[in-house]
Protein backbone atom coordinates (compact mmCIF):
# COMPACT_ATOMS: atom_id res chain seq x y z
CA MET A 1 78.55 137.78 77.20
CA THR A 2 81.52 136.42 79.09
CA ASP A 3 81.44 133.27 81.17
CA ASP A 4 80.65 135.25 84.32
CA GLY A 5 77.72 137.08 82.67
CA ARG A 6 79.36 140.44 81.92
CA GLN A 7 78.86 142.13 78.59
CA MET A 8 81.98 141.99 76.37
CA THR A 9 82.97 144.96 74.25
CA ASP A 10 82.97 144.54 70.46
CA ASP A 11 86.76 144.74 70.15
CA ARG A 12 87.25 142.00 72.77
CA ARG A 13 84.65 139.83 71.03
CA GLN A 14 86.43 140.19 67.70
CA ARG A 15 89.77 139.15 69.12
CA LYS A 16 88.34 135.80 70.29
CA VAL A 17 87.97 132.76 68.04
CA ASP A 18 86.45 129.59 69.51
CA GLY A 19 86.80 131.07 72.99
CA LEU A 20 90.56 131.55 72.60
CA PRO A 21 92.46 134.71 71.80
CA VAL A 22 93.34 135.04 68.12
CA SER A 23 97.02 134.39 68.83
CA PHE A 24 96.11 130.96 70.29
CA SER A 25 93.63 130.08 67.55
CA VAL A 26 96.42 130.43 64.98
CA LEU A 27 98.41 127.81 66.91
CA ARG A 28 95.53 125.31 66.97
CA PRO A 29 96.31 123.67 63.57
CA LEU A 30 100.02 123.58 64.44
CA SER A 31 99.42 121.92 67.81
CA SER A 32 97.07 119.41 66.17
CA PHE A 33 99.79 118.59 63.61
CA ILE A 34 102.42 118.19 66.35
CA CYS A 35 100.11 115.92 68.33
CA ARG A 36 99.45 113.72 65.31
CA LEU A 37 103.12 113.64 64.37
CA SER A 38 104.17 112.64 67.90
CA SER A 39 101.52 109.90 67.90
CA VAL A 40 102.87 108.51 64.62
CA VAL A 41 106.46 108.64 65.91
CA CYS A 42 105.48 106.84 69.14
CA LEU A 43 103.59 104.18 67.20
CA ALA A 44 106.52 103.65 64.83
CA ALA A 45 108.93 103.36 67.77
CA PHE A 46 106.63 100.89 69.50
CA LEU A 47 106.34 98.72 66.39
CA ALA A 48 110.06 98.89 65.65
CA VAL A 49 111.05 97.61 69.09
CA HIS A 50 111.20 93.85 69.34
CA PRO A 51 113.44 91.55 71.31
CA ALA A 52 116.63 91.12 69.38
CA ALA A 53 117.87 87.59 69.06
CA ALA A 54 121.44 87.33 70.25
CA VAL A 55 122.26 84.48 67.89
CA GLN A 56 125.46 85.29 66.03
CA PRO A 57 125.81 84.49 62.31
CA ASP A 58 128.56 81.94 63.01
CA GLU A 59 126.16 79.99 65.28
CA ILE A 60 123.41 79.50 62.67
CA LEU A 61 123.11 76.00 61.27
CA LYS A 62 123.07 75.45 57.50
CA ASP A 63 120.01 73.19 57.68
CA PRO A 64 116.93 75.45 58.14
CA ALA A 65 114.93 72.66 59.82
CA LEU A 66 117.63 72.07 62.45
CA GLU A 67 118.05 75.83 62.93
CA GLY A 68 114.29 76.17 63.51
CA ARG A 69 114.40 73.40 66.11
CA ALA A 70 117.44 75.03 67.76
CA ARG A 71 115.65 78.39 67.93
CA ALA A 72 112.51 76.78 69.39
CA LEU A 73 114.58 75.01 72.05
CA SER A 74 116.62 78.15 72.78
CA ARG A 75 113.46 80.17 73.49
CA ASP A 76 112.52 77.73 76.27
CA LEU A 77 115.94 77.57 77.94
CA ARG A 78 116.98 80.06 80.62
CA CYS A 79 120.23 81.97 80.50
CA MET A 80 121.93 81.11 83.78
CA VAL A 81 123.51 84.59 83.89
CA CYS A 82 120.50 86.74 82.96
CA GLN A 83 118.04 84.37 84.66
CA ASN A 84 114.77 85.74 83.23
CA GLN A 85 115.92 85.78 79.64
CA SER A 86 116.09 82.93 77.20
CA ILE A 87 119.44 81.89 75.77
CA ASP A 88 118.08 82.95 72.38
CA ASP A 89 117.78 86.57 73.60
CA SER A 90 120.87 86.76 75.84
CA ASP A 91 124.28 88.10 74.85
CA ALA A 92 126.03 86.46 77.81
CA PRO A 93 128.96 84.16 76.97
CA LEU A 94 127.31 81.28 78.85
CA ALA A 95 124.16 81.71 76.75
CA ARG A 96 126.30 81.52 73.61
CA ASP A 97 127.88 78.31 74.92
CA LEU A 98 124.42 76.85 75.61
CA ARG A 99 123.20 77.82 72.12
CA LEU A 100 126.23 76.11 70.59
CA LEU A 101 125.66 73.07 72.80
CA VAL A 102 122.01 72.84 71.68
CA ARG A 103 123.05 73.05 68.02
CA GLU A 104 125.81 70.49 68.56
CA ARG A 105 123.37 68.02 70.16
CA LEU A 106 120.89 68.52 67.31
CA THR A 107 123.52 67.93 64.61
CA VAL A 108 124.58 64.72 66.40
CA GLY A 109 121.00 63.52 65.98
CA ASP A 110 119.40 64.04 69.40
CA SER A 111 115.67 64.68 69.51
CA ASP A 112 114.32 67.83 71.17
CA PRO A 113 113.42 66.02 74.44
CA GLN A 114 116.88 64.40 74.52
CA VAL A 115 118.55 67.83 74.18
CA VAL A 116 116.39 69.25 76.98
CA ASP A 117 117.03 66.22 79.19
CA PHE A 118 120.78 66.55 78.59
CA LEU A 119 120.74 70.21 79.63
CA VAL A 120 118.54 69.51 82.67
CA ALA A 121 120.91 66.72 83.75
CA ARG A 122 123.88 69.06 83.38
CA TYR A 123 122.45 72.35 84.77
CA GLY A 124 119.37 71.31 86.73
CA GLU A 125 115.75 72.19 86.12
CA PHE A 126 116.50 75.87 86.61
CA VAL A 127 117.69 75.92 83.00
CA LEU A 128 114.05 75.55 81.88
CA LEU A 129 112.08 78.80 81.59
CA LYS A 130 108.90 76.76 82.15
CA PRO A 131 109.68 74.06 84.74
CA ARG A 132 108.09 70.66 84.34
CA PHE A 133 105.31 69.55 86.68
CA GLU A 134 106.83 66.73 88.72
CA TRP A 135 106.44 65.55 92.31
CA HIS A 136 109.64 67.16 93.56
CA ASN A 137 108.44 70.60 92.45
CA ALA A 138 104.70 70.17 93.04
CA VAL A 139 104.83 72.77 95.81
CA LEU A 140 106.05 75.30 93.25
CA TRP A 141 103.03 74.64 91.05
CA LEU A 142 100.37 74.13 93.73
CA THR A 143 101.21 76.96 96.15
CA PRO A 144 99.56 79.72 94.07
CA ALA A 145 96.35 77.70 93.74
CA ALA A 146 96.40 76.87 97.46
CA ALA A 147 96.92 80.56 98.32
CA LEU A 148 93.99 81.59 96.12
CA LEU A 149 91.79 78.91 97.66
CA ALA A 150 92.77 79.95 101.21
CA GLY A 151 92.03 83.59 100.34
CA ALA A 152 88.63 82.68 98.92
CA ILE A 153 87.78 80.67 102.03
CA ALA A 154 88.88 83.55 104.29
CA ILE A 155 86.74 86.04 102.35
CA TYR A 156 83.76 83.68 102.44
CA ALA A 157 84.13 83.19 106.21
CA ALA A 158 84.44 86.94 106.81
CA LEU A 159 81.34 87.68 104.75
CA ARG A 160 79.42 84.91 106.48
CA ARG A 161 80.34 86.32 109.92
CA ARG A 162 79.06 89.74 108.88
CA ARG A 163 75.66 88.31 107.99
CA VAL A 164 75.21 86.86 111.47
CA ALA A 165 72.92 89.08 113.57
CA PRO A 166 74.85 91.52 115.72
CA SER A 167 75.08 90.66 119.38
CA ARG A 168 72.38 92.17 121.55
CA VAL A 169 73.33 95.24 123.47
CA ALA A 170 71.97 95.49 127.00
CA PRO A 171 69.44 98.31 127.40
CA LEU A 172 70.44 101.40 129.39
CA SER A 173 69.73 101.44 133.08
CA PRO A 174 67.50 104.25 134.46
CA GLU A 175 70.61 105.99 135.85
CA GLU A 176 72.34 105.84 132.43
CA GLU A 177 69.20 107.17 130.70
CA ARG A 178 69.07 110.10 133.13
CA ARG A 179 72.76 110.97 132.57
CA LEU A 180 72.30 110.71 128.78
CA ALA A 181 69.32 113.06 128.93
CA GLU A 182 71.41 115.55 130.96
CA VAL A 183 74.22 115.47 128.40
CA ILE A 184 71.85 115.89 125.46
CA ASP A 185 69.84 118.69 127.06
CA ARG A 186 72.91 120.57 128.28
CA PRO A 187 73.44 123.83 126.33
CA LEU A 188 76.70 124.15 124.44
């Protein structure tokens, strides 16, 4: 039987395997292999891609502890050219200068907060990828919370208004009832 209920001849039945013509059933293992292979290639490509650090070999400090501190600081400092990229990931010349400046300050003996404070004093707080919470930028930090709170209050008020009983509608006058009956009873 076919899907629509007709009887299939023996030769048509023999040419079908798993509901597909024989020519397609031969391709089934090949298509399964191609699907698996493409999945493996996509997974390998996904795992191979990672943000490349732009630190050049001539920038790396000889002391591994200082280099680790420099890398940690560089991940939290914004490239002023790229803007949403850290200086550790940016290839811009200004980012290179900032990386060298961070390493220079660390080799002089500055602590991590002193290096960050030096860069903030020189370039402003925009150099930080994660700005500090201070009074002069409290609006920046509190606006999202205030917007969420205002939205929640608006939704609550709208839902509360819906629960209030609907206003009473005045009943129809006898004249209106008569006209309504005429319209309803009128043949189309």
